[in-house]
Amino acid sequence: MEKPGLDLELLEHNGARPVQFEPQQTIFSEGETGKVMYLVRDGQVALSIDGELVATL
């Protein structure tokens, strides 16, 4: 049985909009209240805690 993929059209229909970031640009900072959800479609994201890299996705 094939697993369903992510339906980007459905996300856009419900208000999701594509956003692009420059390399090394901060998307959000530790401690900020979350207001949106991000989905990485292409590229990588570095995650840090207290300024220390903990993961690259």
C-alpha atoms as a PDB file:
ATOM      1  CA  MET A   1       0.000   0.000   0.000  1.00  0.00           C
ATOM      2  CA  GLU A   2       1.388   3.370  -1.017  1.00  0.00           C
ATOM      3  CA  LYS A   3       1.769   6.007   1.696  1.00  0.00           C
ATOM      4  CA  PRO A   4       0.061   9.317   0.956  1.00  0.00           C
ATOM      5  CA  GLY A   5       2.378  12.242   0.290  1.00  0.00           C
ATOM      6  CA  LEU A   6       2.117  15.762   1.564  1.00  0.00           C
ATOM      7  CA  ASP A   7      -0.675  17.586  -0.265  1.00  0.00           C
ATOM      8  CA  LEU A   8       0.819  21.039  -0.895  1.00  0.00           C
ATOM      9  CA  GLU A   9      -2.304  22.195  -2.738  1.00  0.00           C
ATOM     10  CA  LEU A  10      -4.409  21.385   0.316  1.00  0.00           C
ATOM     11  CA  LEU A  11      -1.991  23.339   2.542  1.00  0.00           C
ATOM     12  CA  GLU A  12      -2.168  26.353   0.218  1.00  0.00           C
ATOM     13  CA  HIS A  13      -5.967  26.105   0.058  1.00  0.00           C
ATOM     14  CA  ASN A  14      -5.996  26.363   3.849  1.00  0.00           C
ATOM     15  CA  GLY A  15      -3.809  29.452   3.985  1.00  0.00           C
ATOM     16  CA  ALA A  16      -0.229  28.109   3.860  1.00  0.00           C
ATOM     17  CA  ARG A  17       2.065  30.285   1.785  1.00  0.00           C
ATOM     18  CA  PRO A  18       5.582  29.563   0.493  1.00  0.00           C
ATOM     19  CA  VAL A  19       8.367  31.548   2.169  1.00  0.00           C
ATOM     20  CA  GLN A  20      12.024  31.688   1.164  1.00  0.00           C
ATOM     21  CA  PHE A  21      14.938  32.505   3.446  1.00  0.00           C
ATOM     22  CA  GLU A  22      18.485  33.506   2.652  1.00  0.00           C
ATOM     23  CA  PRO A  23      21.396  31.319   3.759  1.00  0.00           C
ATOM     24  CA  GLN A  24      22.312  32.000   7.418  1.00  0.00           C
ATOM     25  CA  GLN A  25      19.081  33.990   7.956  1.00  0.00           C
ATOM     26  CA  THR A  26      17.439  33.472  11.353  1.00  0.00           C
ATOM     27  CA  ILE A  27      13.891  32.147  10.932  1.00  0.00           C
ATOM     28  CA  PHE A  28      12.977  32.329  14.612  1.00  0.00           C
ATOM     29  CA  SER A  29      14.867  32.485  17.876  1.00  0.00           C
ATOM     30  CA  GLU A  30      14.847  30.331  20.969  1.00  0.00           C
ATOM     31  CA  GLY A  31      12.246  31.542  23.461  1.00  0.00           C
ATOM     32  CA  GLU A  32       9.952  33.211  20.908  1.00  0.00           C
ATOM     33  CA  THR A  33       6.283  32.259  21.057  1.00  0.00           C
ATOM     34  CA  GLY A  34       5.347  30.149  18.045  1.00  0.00           C
ATOM     35  CA  LYS A  35       2.867  31.790  15.687  1.00  0.00           C
ATOM     36  CA  VAL A  36       3.341  29.726  12.533  1.00  0.00           C
ATOM     37  CA  MET A  37       4.559  26.314  11.433  1.00  0.00           C
ATOM     38  CA  TYR A  38       7.349  25.871   8.894  1.00  0.00           C
ATOM     39  CA  LEU A  39       7.786  23.001   6.462  1.00  0.00           C
ATOM     40  CA  VAL A  40      11.212  22.631   4.860  1.00  0.00           C
ATOM     41  CA  ARG A  41      10.649  21.704   1.218  1.00  0.00           C
ATOM     42  CA  ASP A  42      14.171  22.320  -0.026  1.00  0.00           C
ATOM     43  CA  GLY A  43      17.521  23.023   1.574  1.00  0.00           C
ATOM     44  CA  GLN A  44      18.634  22.637   5.169  1.00  0.00           C
ATOM     45  CA  VAL A  45      17.876  24.189   8.534  1.00  0.00           C
ATOM     46  CA  ALA A  46      20.319  24.412  11.437  1.00  0.00           C
ATOM     47  CA  LEU A  47      18.868  24.132  14.949  1.00  0.00           C
ATOM     48  CA  SER A  48      20.719  25.493  17.966  1.00  0.00           C
ATOM     49  CA  ILE A  49      20.147  25.695  21.708  1.00  0.00           C
ATOM     50  CA  ASP A  50      21.956  28.381  23.704  1.00  0.00           C
ATOM     51  CA  GLY A  51      23.958  29.157  20.564  1.00  0.00           C
ATOM     52  CA  GLU A  52      25.238  25.574  20.167  1.00  0.00           C
ATOM     53  CA  LEU A  53      24.347  23.623  17.024  1.00  0.00           C
ATOM     54  CA  VAL A  54      22.297  20.552  17.967  1.00  0.00           C
ATOM     55  CA  ALA A  55      20.973  19.397  14.575  1.00  0.00           C
ATOM     56  CA  THR A  56      20.922  20.117  10.878  1.00  0.00           C
ATOM     57  CA  LEU A  57      17.777  19.043   9.057  1.00  0.00           C
END
